[in-house]
Amino acid sequence: MSRLCASPNNRCLVIFDGYADIPLDNLESGNIEVAFSRRLSADERIKRLVESAGAPKNIIVVSDDKEIRFFVRSCGVKSMGVEDFLGAQERKTPRKNLVSEAEISHTQMHKINEELRKLWLS
């Protein structure tokens, strides 16, 4: 997941609409932070963050929402679509076959998947 930030010095903030149904501690990983917009829309929260940013040239907003992309560009912030962002990440870090590298059995993989389902979907 840290590939999203491209560097350990970068920070990634993912904003979802609404309220968290699970503790946010479960969603944070290293330099990736997850936030919920609560009473605001995620779009409004993004706009406020961009407006209050001290160094907008160091920010990239990833969204397919044309209104958000237009707004952040007008504030001097770079923007890109989700597909472009994910494509750029693919080019930087080619996928590896994690199952063969970890050398876990199909049974172990199934148990891990079941445990993750219980944690995330309950």
PDB file of N, CA and C in Angstrom:
ATOM      1  N   MET A   1       0.802  -1.185   0.000  1.00  0.00           N
ATOM      2  CA  MET A   1       0.000   0.000   0.000  1.00  0.00           C
ATOM      3  C   MET A   1       0.858   1.267   0.000  1.00  0.00           C
ATOM      4  N   SER A   2       2.028   1.204   0.561  1.00  0.00           N
ATOM      5  CA  SER A   2       2.850   2.399   0.606  1.00  0.00           C
ATOM      6  C   SER A   2       3.285   2.834  -0.789  1.00  0.00           C
ATOM      7  N   ARG A   3       3.093   1.978  -1.802  1.00  0.00           N
ATOM      8  CA  ARG A   3       3.413   2.371  -3.177  1.00  0.00           C
ATOM      9  C   ARG A   3       2.609   3.583  -3.618  1.00  0.00           C
ATOM     10  N   LEU A   4       1.443   3.796  -3.028  1.00  0.00           N
ATOM     11  CA  LEU A   4       0.613   4.928  -3.398  1.00  0.00           C
ATOM     12  C   LEU A   4       1.341   6.243  -3.183  1.00  0.00           C
ATOM     13  N   CYS A   5       2.209   6.300  -2.202  1.00  0.00           N
ATOM     14  CA  CYS A   5       2.897   7.544  -1.858  1.00  0.00           C
ATOM     15  C   CYS A   5       4.199   7.716  -2.616  1.00  0.00           C
ATOM     16  N   ALA A   6       4.665   6.709  -3.273  1.00  0.00           N
ATOM     17  CA  ALA A   6       5.873   6.728  -4.096  1.00  0.00           C
ATOM     18  C   ALA A   6       7.153   6.907  -3.288  1.00  0.00           C
ATOM     19  N   SER A   7       7.095   7.513  -2.144  1.00  0.00           N
ATOM     20  CA  SER A   7       8.267   7.748  -1.308  1.00  0.00           C
ATOM     21  C   SER A   7       7.837   7.740   0.155  1.00  0.00           C
ATOM     22  N   PRO A   8       8.693   7.251   1.041  1.00  0.00           N
ATOM     23  CA  PRO A   8       8.339   7.269   2.463  1.00  0.00           C
ATOM     24  C   PRO A   8       8.205   8.693   3.016  1.00  0.00           C
ATOM     25  N   ASN A   9       8.713   9.679   2.294  1.00  0.00           N
ATOM     26  CA  ASN A   9       8.608  11.070   2.728  1.00  0.00           C
ATOM     27  C   ASN A   9       7.266  11.695   2.359  1.00  0.00           C
ATOM     28  N   ASN A  10       6.510  11.045   1.496  1.00  0.00           N
ATOM     29  CA  ASN A  10       5.217  11.567   1.056  1.00  0.00           C
ATOM     30  C   ASN A  10       4.105  11.043   1.948  1.00  0.00           C
ATOM     31  N   ARG A  11       3.014  11.758   1.982  1.00  0.00           N
ATOM     32  CA  ARG A  11       1.849  11.384   2.760  1.00  0.00           C
ATOM     33  C   ARG A  11       0.653  11.245   1.824  1.00  0.00           C
ATOM     34  N   CYS A  12      -0.188  10.289   2.090  1.00  0.00           N
ATOM     35  CA  CYS A  12      -1.380  10.068   1.286  1.00  0.00           C
ATOM     36  C   CYS A  12      -2.597  10.168   2.200  1.00  0.00           C
ATOM     37  N   LEU A  13      -3.559  11.003   1.821  1.00  0.00           N
ATOM     38  CA  LEU A  13      -4.795  11.141   2.575  1.00  0.00           C
ATOM     39  C   LEU A  13      -5.944  10.702   1.675  1.00  0.00           C
ATOM     40  N   VAL A  14      -6.686   9.703   2.125  1.00  0.00           N
ATOM     41  CA  VAL A  14      -7.838   9.188   1.386  1.00  0.00           C
ATOM     42  C   VAL A  14      -9.080   9.656   2.126  1.00  0.00           C
ATOM     43  N   ILE A  15      -9.979  10.347   1.417  1.00  0.00           N
ATOM     44  CA  ILE A  15     -11.170  10.903   2.054  1.00  0.00           C
ATOM     45  C   ILE A  15     -12.418  10.227   1.492  1.00  0.00           C
ATOM     46  N   PHE A  16     -13.238   9.702   2.401  1.00  0.00           N
ATOM     47  CA  PHE A  16     -14.509   9.083   2.045  1.00  0.00           C
ATOM     48  C   PHE A  16     -15.650   9.958   2.549  1.00  0.00           C
ATOM     49  N   ASP A  17     -16.781   9.902   1.861  1.00  0.00           N
ATOM     50  CA  ASP A  17     -17.984  10.591   2.332  1.00  0.00           C
ATOM     51  C   ASP A  17     -18.521   9.903   3.579  1.00  0.00           C
ATOM     52  N   GLY A  18     -19.156  10.681   4.453  1.00  0.00           N
ATOM     53  CA  GLY A  18     -19.875  10.116   5.586  1.00  0.00           C
ATOM     54  C   GLY A  18     -19.043   9.864   6.821  1.00  0.00           C
ATOM     55  N   TYR A  19     -19.497   8.877   7.601  1.00  0.00           N
ATOM     56  CA  TYR A  19     -18.889   8.528   8.877  1.00  0.00           C
ATOM     57  C   TYR A  19     -18.282   7.136   8.804  1.00  0.00           C
ATOM     58  N   ALA A  20     -17.258   6.892   9.605  1.00  0.00           N
ATOM     59  CA  ALA A  20     -16.611   5.579   9.651  1.00  0.00           C
ATOM     60  C   ALA A  20     -17.479   4.604  10.433  1.00  0.00           C
ATOM     61  N   ASP A  21     -17.665   3.407   9.889  1.00  0.00           N
ATOM     62  CA  ASP A  21     -18.392   2.355  10.597  1.00  0.00           C
ATOM     63  C   ASP A  21     -17.456   1.504  11.446  1.00  0.00           C
ATOM     64  N   ILE A  22     -16.163   1.646  11.202  1.00  0.00           N
ATOM     65  CA  ILE A  22     -15.160   0.879  11.943  1.00  0.00           C
ATOM     66  C   ILE A  22     -14.114   1.849  12.477  1.00  0.00           C
ATOM     67  N   PRO A  23     -13.359   1.451  13.501  1.00  0.00           N
ATOM     68  CA  PRO A  23     -12.322   2.350  14.027  1.00  0.00           C
ATOM     69  C   PRO A  23     -11.291   2.686  12.953  1.00  0.00           C
ATOM     70  N   LEU A  24     -10.903   3.949  12.887  1.00  0.00           N
ATOM     71  CA  LEU A  24      -9.942   4.376  11.869  1.00  0.00           C
ATOM     72  C   LEU A  24      -8.567   3.772  12.082  1.00  0.00           C
ATOM     73  N   ASP A  25      -8.267   3.292  13.294  1.00  0.00           N
ATOM     74  CA  ASP A  25      -6.974   2.658  13.554  1.00  0.00           C
ATOM     75  C   ASP A  25      -6.738   1.496  12.582  1.00  0.00           C
ATOM     76  N   ASN A  26      -7.827   0.820  12.214  1.00  0.00           N
ATOM     77  CA  ASN A  26      -7.725  -0.333  11.316  1.00  0.00           C
ATOM     78  C   ASN A  26      -7.420   0.071   9.887  1.00  0.00           C
ATOM     79  N   LEU A  27      -7.621   1.338   9.560  1.00  0.00           N
ATOM     80  CA  LEU A  27      -7.478   1.770   8.179  1.00  0.00           C
ATOM     81  C   LEU A  27      -6.176   2.507   7.892  1.00  0.00           C
ATOM     82  N   GLU A  28      -5.410   2.855   8.916  1.00  0.00           N
ATOM     83  CA  GLU A  28      -4.199   3.628   8.694  1.00  0.00           C
ATOM     84  C   GLU A  28      -3.003   2.703   8.554  1.00  0.00           C
ATOM     85  N   SER A  29      -2.124   3.070   7.657  1.00  0.00           N
ATOM     86  CA  SER A  29      -0.947   2.251   7.400  1.00  0.00           C
ATOM     87  C   SER A  29       0.221   3.151   7.019  1.00  0.00           C
ATOM     88  N   GLY A  30       1.161   3.317   7.919  1.00  0.00           N
ATOM     89  CA  GLY A  30       2.354   4.110   7.612  1.00  0.00           C
ATOM     90  C   GLY A  30       2.009   5.535   7.250  1.00  0.00           C
ATOM     91  N   ASN A  31       2.352   5.919   6.025  1.00  0.00           N
ATOM     92  CA  ASN A  31       2.115   7.296   5.600  1.00  0.00           C
ATOM     93  C   ASN A  31       0.795   7.462   4.854  1.00  0.00           C
ATOM     94  N   ILE A  32      -0.097   6.496   4.976  1.00  0.00           N
ATOM     95  CA  ILE A  32      -1.424   6.589   4.370  1.00  0.00           C
ATOM     96  C   ILE A  32      -2.441   6.795   5.480  1.00  0.00           C
ATOM     97  N   GLU A  33      -3.191   7.881   5.380  1.00  0.00           N
ATOM     98  CA  GLU A  33      -4.201   8.217   6.377  1.00  0.00           C
ATOM     99  C   GLU A  33      -5.573   8.181   5.715  1.00  0.00           C
ATOM    100  N   VAL A  34      -6.549   7.660   6.436  1.00  0.00           N
ATOM    101  CA  VAL A  34      -7.919   7.596   5.931  1.00  0.00           C
ATOM    102  C   VAL A  34      -8.778   8.526   6.775  1.00  0.00           C
ATOM    103  N   ALA A  35      -9.597   9.333   6.112  1.00  0.00           N
ATOM    104  CA  ALA A  35     -10.489  10.249   6.821  1.00  0.00           C
ATOM    105  C   ALA A  35     -11.881  10.158   6.229  1.00  0.00           C
ATOM    106  N   PHE A  36     -12.868  10.420   7.056  1.00  0.00           N
ATOM    107  CA  PHE A  36     -14.254  10.469   6.608  1.00  0.00           C
ATOM    108  C   PHE A  36     -14.726  11.907   6.722  1.00  0.00           C
ATOM    109  N   SER A  37     -15.502  12.333   5.759  1.00  0.00           N
ATOM    110  CA  SER A  37     -15.884  13.743   5.667  1.00  0.00           C
ATOM    111  C   SER A  37     -16.896  14.165   6.720  1.00  0.00           C
ATOM    112  N   ARG A  38     -17.561  13.205   7.341  1.00  0.00           N
ATOM    113  CA  ARG A  38     -18.567  13.454   8.378  1.00  0.00           C
ATOM    114  C   ARG A  38     -19.714  14.294   7.828  1.00  0.00           C
ATOM    115  N   ARG A  39     -19.962  15.465   8.393  1.00  0.00           N
ATOM    116  CA  ARG A  39     -21.118  16.281   7.976  1.00  0.00           C
ATOM    117  C   ARG A  39     -20.911  16.911   6.601  1.00  0.00           C
ATOM    118  N   LEU A  40     -19.689  17.097   6.189  1.00  0.00           N
ATOM    119  CA  LEU A  40     -19.396  17.673   4.875  1.00  0.00           C
ATOM    120  C   LEU A  40     -19.393  16.578   3.819  1.00  0.00           C
ATOM    121  N   SER A  41     -19.444  16.963   2.566  1.00  0.00           N
ATOM    122  CA  SER A  41     -19.220  15.984   1.509  1.00  0.00           C
ATOM    123  C   SER A  41     -17.706  15.817   1.377  1.00  0.00           C
ATOM    124  N   ALA A  42     -17.268  14.721   0.827  1.00  0.00           N
ATOM    125  CA  ALA A  42     -15.838  14.523   0.607  1.00  0.00           C
ATOM    126  C   ALA A  42     -15.303  15.624  -0.307  1.00  0.00           C
ATOM    127  N   ASP A  43     -16.100  16.034  -1.290  1.00  0.00           N
ATOM    128  CA  ASP A  43     -15.684  17.116  -2.188  1.00  0.00           C
ATOM    129  C   ASP A  43     -15.408  18.404  -1.411  1.00  0.00           C
ATOM    130  N   GLU A  44     -16.314  18.740  -0.502  1.00  0.00           N
ATOM    131  CA  GLU A  44     -16.148  19.966   0.282  1.00  0.00           C
ATOM    132  C   GLU A  44     -14.922  19.867   1.189  1.00  0.00           C
ATOM    133  N   ARG A  45     -14.711  18.706   1.762  1.00  0.00           N
ATOM    134  CA  ARG A  45     -13.528  18.516   2.629  1.00  0.00           C
ATOM    135  C   ARG A  45     -12.248  18.680   1.818  1.00  0.00           C
ATOM    136  N   ILE A  46     -12.221  18.123   0.615  1.00  0.00           N
ATOM    137  CA  ILE A  46     -11.053  18.263  -0.261  1.00  0.00           C
ATOM    138  C   ILE A  46     -10.822  19.732  -0.592  1.00  0.00           C
ATOM    139  N   LYS A  47     -11.899  20.442  -0.939  1.00  0.00           N
ATOM    140  CA  LYS A  47     -11.776  21.863  -1.271  1.00  0.00           C
ATOM    141  C   LYS A  47     -11.190  22.653  -0.111  1.00  0.00           C
ATOM    142  N   ARG A  48     -11.675  22.398   1.096  1.00  0.00           N
ATOM    143  CA  ARG A  48     -11.169  23.114   2.272  1.00  0.00           C
ATOM    144  C   ARG A  48      -9.699  22.794   2.534  1.00  0.00           C
ATOM    145  N   LEU A  49      -9.331  21.530   2.387  1.00  0.00           N
ATOM    146  CA  LEU A  49      -7.930  21.154   2.588  1.00  0.00           C
ATOM    147  C   LEU A  49      -7.021  21.844   1.579  1.00  0.00           C
ATOM    148  N   VAL A  50      -7.460  21.884   0.329  1.00  0.00           N
ATOM    149  CA  VAL A  50      -6.671  22.519  -0.726  1.00  0.00           C
ATOM    150  C   VAL A  50      -6.546  24.016  -0.468  1.00  0.00           C
ATOM    151  N   GLU A  51      -7.652  24.644  -0.085  1.00  0.00           N
ATOM    152  CA  GLU A  51      -7.631  26.089   0.172  1.00  0.00           C
ATOM    153  C   GLU A  51      -6.703  26.457   1.323  1.00  0.00           C
ATOM    154  N   SER A  52      -6.598  25.578   2.315  1.00  0.00           N
ATOM    155  CA  SER A  52      -5.775  25.888   3.482  1.00  0.00           C
ATOM    156  C   SER A  52      -4.347  25.362   3.368  1.00  0.00           C
ATOM    157  N   ALA A  53      -4.029  24.712   2.258  1.00  0.00           N
ATOM    158  CA  ALA A  53      -2.687  24.134   2.082  1.00  0.00           C
ATOM    159  C   ALA A  53      -1.632  25.224   1.976  1.00  0.00           C
ATOM    160  N   GLY A  54      -0.522  25.016   2.668  1.00  0.00           N
ATOM    161  CA  GLY A  54       0.569  25.976   2.622  1.00  0.00           C
ATOM    162  C   GLY A  54       1.388  25.888   1.355  1.00  0.00           C
ATOM    163  N   ALA A  55       1.480  24.703   0.783  1.00  0.00           N
ATOM    164  CA  ALA A  55       2.291  24.512  -0.421  1.00  0.00           C
ATOM    165  C   ALA A  55       1.498  23.707  -1.448  1.00  0.00           C
ATOM    166  N   PRO A  56       0.565  24.371  -2.156  1.00  0.00           N
ATOM    167  CA  PRO A  56      -0.300  23.637  -3.094  1.00  0.00           C
ATOM    168  C   PRO A  56       0.462  22.927  -4.208  1.00  0.00           C
ATOM    169  N   LYS A  57       1.639  23.416  -4.569  1.00  0.00           N
ATOM    170  CA  LYS A  57       2.384  22.761  -5.655  1.00  0.00           C
ATOM    171  C   LYS A  57       2.894  21.382  -5.251  1.00  0.00           C
ATOM    172  N   ASN A  58       2.853  21.069  -3.949  1.00  0.00           N
ATOM    173  CA  ASN A  58       3.300  19.760  -3.463  1.00  0.00           C
ATOM    174  C   ASN A  58       2.156  18.769  -3.306  1.00  0.00           C
ATOM    175  N   ILE A  59       0.979  19.149  -3.763  1.00  0.00           N
ATOM    176  CA  ILE A  59      -0.212  18.311  -3.597  1.00  0.00           C
ATOM    177  C   ILE A  59      -0.665  17.781  -4.950  1.00  0.00           C
ATOM    178  N   ILE A  60      -1.138  16.551  -4.952  1.00  0.00           N
ATOM    179  CA  ILE A  60      -1.797  15.974  -6.122  1.00  0.00           C
ATOM    180  C   ILE A  60      -3.135  15.426  -5.645  1.00  0.00           C
ATOM    181  N   VAL A  61      -4.212  15.868  -6.273  1.00  0.00           N
ATOM    182  CA  VAL A  61      -5.541  15.354  -5.954  1.00  0.00           C
ATOM    183  C   VAL A  61      -5.918  14.353  -7.038  1.00  0.00           C
ATOM    184  N   VAL A  62      -6.262  13.149  -6.600  1.00  0.00           N
ATOM    185  CA  VAL A  62      -6.664  12.094  -7.538  1.00  0.00           C
ATOM    186  C   VAL A  62      -8.175  11.948  -7.446  1.00  0.00           C
ATOM    187  N   SER A  63      -8.848  12.253  -8.534  1.00  0.00           N
ATOM    188  CA  SER A  63     -10.308  12.176  -8.572  1.00  0.00           C
ATOM    189  C   SER A  63     -10.770  12.129 -10.023  1.00  0.00           C
ATOM    190  N   ASP A  64     -11.909  11.501 -10.243  1.00  0.00           N
ATOM    191  CA  ASP A  64     -12.526  11.526 -11.560  1.00  0.00           C
ATOM    192  C   ASP A  64     -13.620  12.586 -11.629  1.00  0.00           C
ATOM    193  N   ASP A  65     -13.832  13.288 -10.523  1.00  0.00           N
ATOM    194  CA  ASP A  65     -14.845  14.335 -10.460  1.00  0.00           C
ATOM    195  C   ASP A  65     -14.318  15.589 -11.153  1.00  0.00           C
ATOM    196  N   LYS A  66     -14.952  15.968 -12.263  1.00  0.00           N
ATOM    197  CA  LYS A  66     -14.470  17.115 -13.055  1.00  0.00           C
ATOM    198  C   LYS A  66     -14.509  18.420 -12.260  1.00  0.00           C
ATOM    199  N   GLU A  67     -15.549  18.605 -11.444  1.00  0.00           N
ATOM    200  CA  GLU A  67     -15.652  19.835 -10.662  1.00  0.00           C
ATOM    201  C   GLU A  67     -14.493  19.950  -9.669  1.00  0.00           C
ATOM    202  N   ILE A  68     -14.169  18.869  -8.993  1.00  0.00           N
ATOM    203  CA  ILE A  68     -13.043  18.882  -8.040  1.00  0.00           C
ATOM    204  C   ILE A  68     -11.737  19.140  -8.776  1.00  0.00           C
ATOM    205  N   ARG A  69     -11.533  18.474  -9.894  1.00  0.00           N
ATOM    206  CA  ARG A  69     -10.289  18.652 -10.640  1.00  0.00           C
ATOM    207  C   ARG A  69     -10.132  20.093 -11.118  1.00  0.00           C
ATOM    208  N   PHE A  70     -11.207  20.694 -11.588  1.00  0.00           N
ATOM    209  CA  PHE A  70     -11.157  22.087 -12.031  1.00  0.00           C
ATOM    210  C   PHE A  70     -10.846  23.009 -10.849  1.00  0.00           C
ATOM    211  N   PHE A  71     -11.525  22.777  -9.717  1.00  0.00           N
ATOM    212  CA  PHE A  71     -11.320  23.609  -8.533  1.00  0.00           C
ATOM    213  C   PHE A  71      -9.870  23.539  -8.042  1.00  0.00           C
ATOM    214  N   VAL A  72      -9.341  22.324  -7.897  1.00  0.00           N
ATOM    215  CA  VAL A  72      -7.981  22.212  -7.345  1.00  0.00           C
ATOM    216  C   VAL A  72      -6.950  22.813  -8.295  1.00  0.00           C
ATOM    217  N   ARG A  73      -7.180  22.665  -9.596  1.00  0.00           N
ATOM    218  CA  ARG A  73      -6.252  23.290 -10.560  1.00  0.00           C
ATOM    219  C   ARG A  73      -6.281  24.804 -10.438  1.00  0.00           C
ATOM    220  N   SER A  74      -7.464  25.363 -10.165  1.00  0.00           N
ATOM    221  CA  SER A  74      -7.565  26.820 -10.017  1.00  0.00           C
ATOM    222  C   SER A  74      -6.844  27.298  -8.756  1.00  0.00           C
ATOM    223  N   CYS A  75      -6.569  26.383  -7.841  1.00  0.00           N
ATOM    224  CA  CYS A  75      -5.828  26.718  -6.612  1.00  0.00           C
ATOM    225  C   CYS A  75      -4.336  26.408  -6.745  1.00  0.00           C
ATOM    226  N   GLY A  76      -3.907  25.998  -7.919  1.00  0.00           N
ATOM    227  CA  GLY A  76      -2.491  25.690  -8.130  1.00  0.00           C
ATOM    228  C   GLY A  76      -2.082  24.282  -7.742  1.00  0.00           C
ATOM    229  N   VAL A  77      -3.074  23.400  -7.565  1.00  0.00           N
ATOM    230  CA  VAL A  77      -2.820  22.009  -7.179  1.00  0.00           C
ATOM    231  C   VAL A  77      -2.906  21.126  -8.415  1.00  0.00           C
ATOM    232  N   LYS A  78      -2.001  20.159  -8.524  1.00  0.00           N
ATOM    233  CA  LYS A  78      -2.047  19.200  -9.628  1.00  0.00           C
ATOM    234  C   LYS A  78      -3.200  18.233  -9.391  1.00  0.00           C
ATOM    235  N   SER A  79      -3.780  17.746 -10.482  1.00  0.00           N
ATOM    236  CA  SER A  79      -4.820  16.728 -10.350  1.00  0.00           C
ATOM    237  C   SER A  79      -4.649  15.696 -11.453  1.00  0.00           C
ATOM    238  N   MET A  80      -5.162  14.531 -11.173  1.00  0.00           N
ATOM    239  CA  MET A  80      -5.153  13.476 -12.179  1.00  0.00           C
ATOM    240  C   MET A  80      -6.316  12.529 -11.912  1.00  0.00           C
ATOM    241  N   GLY A  81      -6.749  11.863 -12.961  1.00  0.00           N
ATOM    242  CA  GLY A  81      -7.828  10.893 -12.839  1.00  0.00           C
ATOM    243  C   GLY A  81      -7.338   9.619 -12.179  1.00  0.00           C
ATOM    244  N   VAL A  82      -8.273   8.846 -11.667  1.00  0.00           N
ATOM    245  CA  VAL A  82      -7.936   7.612 -10.969  1.00  0.00           C
ATOM    246  C   VAL A  82      -7.205   6.640 -11.898  1.00  0.00           C
ATOM    247  N   GLU A  83      -7.703   6.488 -13.110  1.00  0.00           N
ATOM    248  CA  GLU A  83      -7.074   5.556 -14.054  1.00  0.00           C
ATOM    249  C   GLU A  83      -5.641   5.978 -14.365  1.00  0.00           C
ATOM    250  N   ASP A  84      -5.429   7.269 -14.573  1.00  0.00           N
ATOM    251  CA  ASP A  84      -4.076   7.766 -14.826  1.00  0.00           C
ATOM    252  C   ASP A  84      -3.167   7.521 -13.621  1.00  0.00           C
ATOM    253  N   PHE A  85      -3.687   7.767 -12.435  1.00  0.00           N
ATOM    254  CA  PHE A  85      -2.908   7.559 -11.213  1.00  0.00           C
ATOM    255  C   PHE A  85      -2.514   6.096 -11.059  1.00  0.00           C
ATOM    256  N   LEU A  86      -3.485   5.209 -11.204  1.00  0.00           N
ATOM    257  CA  LEU A  86      -3.189   3.781 -11.053  1.00  0.00           C
ATOM    258  C   LEU A  86      -2.257   3.297 -12.155  1.00  0.00           C
ATOM    259  N   GLY A  87      -2.412   3.827 -13.359  1.00  0.00           N
ATOM    260  CA  GLY A  87      -1.513   3.467 -14.451  1.00  0.00           C
ATOM    261  C   GLY A  87      -0.096   3.922 -14.167  1.00  0.00           C
ATOM    262  N   ALA A  88       0.061   5.109 -13.588  1.00  0.00           N
ATOM    263  CA  ALA A  88       1.386   5.621 -13.231  1.00  0.00           C
ATOM    264  C   ALA A  88       2.003   4.742 -12.161  1.00  0.00           C
ATOM    265  N   GLN A  89       1.202   4.273 -11.217  1.00  0.00           N
ATOM    266  CA  GLN A  89       1.723   3.406 -10.161  1.00  0.00           C
ATOM    267  C   GLN A  89       2.167   2.070 -10.742  1.00  0.00           C
ATOM    268  N   GLU A  90       1.422   1.559 -11.702  1.00  0.00           N
ATOM    269  CA  GLU A  90       1.799   0.301 -12.355  1.00  0.00           C
ATOM    270  C   GLU A  90       3.149   0.429 -13.053  1.00  0.00           C
ATOM    271  N   ARG A  91       3.349   1.552 -13.729  1.00  0.00           N
ATOM    272  CA  ARG A  91       4.613   1.744 -14.440  1.00  0.00           C
ATOM    273  C   ARG A  91       5.786   1.871 -13.482  1.00  0.00           C
ATOM    274  N   LYS A  92       5.550   2.457 -12.308  1.00  0.00           N
ATOM    275  CA  LYS A  92       6.626   2.641 -11.330  1.00  0.00           C
ATOM    276  C   LYS A  92       6.964   1.344 -10.606  1.00  0.00           C
ATOM    277  N   THR A  93       5.938   0.563 -10.284  1.00  0.00           N
ATOM    278  CA  THR A  93       6.143  -0.641  -9.491  1.00  0.00           C
ATOM    279  C   THR A  93       5.416  -1.807 -10.138  1.00  0.00           C
ATOM    280  N   PRO A  94       6.106  -2.585 -10.954  1.00  0.00           N
ATOM    281  CA  PRO A  94       5.449  -3.719 -11.603  1.00  0.00           C
ATOM    282  C   PRO A  94       4.927  -4.710 -10.563  1.00  0.00           C
ATOM    283  N   ARG A  95       3.794  -5.298 -10.882  1.00  0.00           N
ATOM    284  CA  ARG A  95       3.210  -6.281  -9.964  1.00  0.00           C
ATOM    285  C   ARG A  95       4.089  -7.506  -9.851  1.00  0.00           C
ATOM    286  N   LYS A  96       4.092  -8.052  -8.653  1.00  0.00           N
ATOM    287  CA  LYS A  96       4.833  -9.285  -8.411  1.00  0.00           C
ATOM    288  C   LYS A  96       3.834 -10.337  -7.960  1.00  0.00           C
ATOM    289  N   ASN A  97       4.173 -11.564  -8.166  1.00  0.00           N
ATOM    290  CA  ASN A  97       3.323 -12.647  -7.709  1.00  0.00           C
ATOM    291  C   ASN A  97       3.621 -12.880  -6.235  1.00  0.00           C
ATOM    292  N   LEU A  98       2.838 -12.262  -5.360  1.00  0.00           N
ATOM    293  CA  LEU A  98       3.104 -12.314  -3.934  1.00  0.00           C
ATOM    294  C   LEU A  98       2.930 -13.710  -3.359  1.00  0.00           C
ATOM    295  N   VAL A  99       2.041 -14.486  -3.943  1.00  0.00           N
ATOM    296  CA  VAL A  99       1.819 -15.829  -3.415  1.00  0.00           C
ATOM    297  C   VAL A  99       3.060 -16.679  -3.593  1.00  0.00           C
ATOM    298  N   SER A 100       3.680 -16.651  -4.761  1.00  0.00           N
ATOM    299  CA  SER A 100       4.863 -17.482  -4.970  1.00  0.00           C
ATOM    300  C   SER A 100       6.056 -16.956  -4.172  1.00  0.00           C
ATOM    301  N   GLU A 101       6.167 -15.630  -3.999  1.00  0.00           N
ATOM    302  CA  GLU A 101       7.264 -15.077  -3.219  1.00  0.00           C
ATOM    303  C   GLU A 101       7.139 -15.457  -1.753  1.00  0.00           C
ATOM    304  N   ALA A 102       5.915 -15.421  -1.232  1.00  0.00           N
ATOM    305  CA  ALA A 102       5.708 -15.729   0.168  1.00  0.00           C
ATOM    306  C   ALA A 102       5.734 -17.233   0.411  1.00  0.00           C
ATOM    307  N   GLU A 103       5.524 -17.972  -0.637  1.00  0.00           N
ATOM    308  CA  GLU A 103       5.512 -19.428  -0.581  1.00  0.00           C
ATOM    309  C   GLU A 103       4.549 -19.943   0.479  1.00  0.00           C
ATOM    310  N   ILE A 104       3.288 -19.512   0.365  1.00  0.00           N
ATOM    311  CA  ILE A 104       2.264 -20.024   1.258  1.00  0.00           C
ATOM    312  C   ILE A 104       1.378 -20.979   0.480  1.00  0.00           C
ATOM    313  N   SER A 105       0.802 -21.895   1.207  1.00  0.00           N
ATOM    314  CA  SER A 105      -0.046 -22.890   0.557  1.00  0.00           C
ATOM    315  C   SER A 105      -1.413 -22.284   0.247  1.00  0.00           C
ATOM    316  N   HIS A 106      -2.156 -22.984  -0.585  1.00  0.00           N
ATOM    317  CA  HIS A 106      -3.510 -22.539  -0.933  1.00  0.00           C
ATOM    318  C   HIS A 106      -4.380 -22.513   0.320  1.00  0.00           C
ATOM    319  N   THR A 107      -4.215 -23.480   1.195  1.00  0.00           N
ATOM    320  CA  THR A 107      -4.982 -23.531   2.443  1.00  0.00           C
ATOM    321  C   THR A 107      -4.672 -22.334   3.327  1.00  0.00           C
ATOM    322  N   GLN A 108      -3.396 -21.986   3.459  1.00  0.00           N
ATOM    323  CA  GLN A 108      -3.008 -20.819   4.256  1.00  0.00           C
ATOM    324  C   GLN A 108      -3.589 -19.539   3.638  1.00  0.00           C
ATOM    325  N   MET A 109      -3.518 -19.437   2.316  1.00  0.00           N
ATOM    326  CA  MET A 109      -4.053 -18.275   1.635  1.00  0.00           C
ATOM    327  C   MET A 109      -5.556 -18.160   1.889  1.00  0.00           C
ATOM    328  N   HIS A 110      -6.267 -19.285   1.843  1.00  0.00           N
ATOM    329  CA  HIS A 110      -7.706 -19.294   2.090  1.00  0.00           C
ATOM    330  C   HIS A 110      -8.011 -18.849   3.520  1.00  0.00           C
ATOM    331  N   LYS A 111      -7.248 -19.323   4.497  1.00  0.00           N
ATOM    332  CA  LYS A 111      -7.457 -18.935   5.895  1.00  0.00           C
ATOM    333  C   LYS A 111      -7.213 -17.442   6.085  1.00  0.00           C
ATOM    334  N   ILE A 112      -6.195 -16.915   5.460  1.00  0.00           N
ATOM    335  CA  ILE A 112      -5.893 -15.485   5.550  1.00  0.00           C
ATOM    336  C   ILE A 112      -7.037 -14.672   4.956  1.00  0.00           C
ATOM    337  N   ASN A 113      -7.518 -15.089   3.793  1.00  0.00           N
ATOM    338  CA  ASN A 113      -8.634 -14.382   3.153  1.00  0.00           C
ATOM    339  C   ASN A 113      -9.888 -14.409   4.026  1.00  0.00           C
ATOM    340  N   GLU A 114     -10.171 -15.543   4.643  1.00  0.00           N
ATOM    341  CA  GLU A 114     -11.339 -15.654   5.520  1.00  0.00           C
ATOM    342  C   GLU A 114     -11.192 -14.733   6.727  1.00  0.00           C
ATOM    343  N   GLU A 115     -10.015 -14.682   7.315  1.00  0.00           N
ATOM    344  CA  GLU A 115      -9.775 -13.803   8.462  1.00  0.00           C
ATOM    345  C   GLU A 115      -9.948 -12.334   8.070  1.00  0.00           C
ATOM    346  N   LEU A 116      -9.437 -11.958   6.904  1.00  0.00           N
ATOM    347  CA  LEU A 116      -9.596 -10.585   6.428  1.00  0.00           C
ATOM    348  C   LEU A 116     -11.064 -10.251   6.175  1.00  0.00           C
ATOM    349  N   ARG A 117     -11.810 -11.199   5.606  1.00  0.00           N
ATOM    350  CA  ARG A 117     -13.247 -10.983   5.395  1.00  0.00           C
ATOM    351  C   ARG A 117     -13.949 -10.717   6.726  1.00  0.00           C
ATOM    352  N   LYS A 118     -13.607 -11.497   7.756  1.00  0.00           N
ATOM    353  CA  LYS A 118     -14.223 -11.306   9.064  1.00  0.00           C
ATOM    354  C   LYS A 118     -13.907  -9.937   9.628  1.00  0.00           C
ATOM    355  N   LEU A 119     -12.651  -9.500   9.490  1.00  0.00           N
ATOM    356  CA  LEU A 119     -12.236  -8.206  10.026  1.00  0.00           C
ATOM    357  C   LEU A 119     -12.886  -7.040   9.296  1.00  0.00           C
ATOM    358  N   TRP A 120     -12.923  -7.105   7.984  1.00  0.00           N
ATOM    359  CA  TRP A 120     -13.385  -5.957   7.188  1.00  0.00           C
ATOM    360  C   TRP A 120     -14.883  -5.938   6.957  1.00  0.00           C
ATOM    361  N   LEU A 121     -15.515  -7.080   6.945  1.00  0.00           N
ATOM    362  CA  LEU A 121     -16.929  -7.115   6.579  1.00  0.00           C
ATOM    363  C   LEU A 121     -17.861  -7.307   7.765  1.00  0.00           C
ATOM    364  N   SER A 122     -17.317  -7.419   8.957  1.00  0.00           N
ATOM    365  CA  SER A 122     -18.218  -7.594  10.115  1.00  0.00           C
ATOM    366  C   SER A 122     -18.414  -6.305  10.853  1.00  0.00           C
TER     367      SER A 122
END
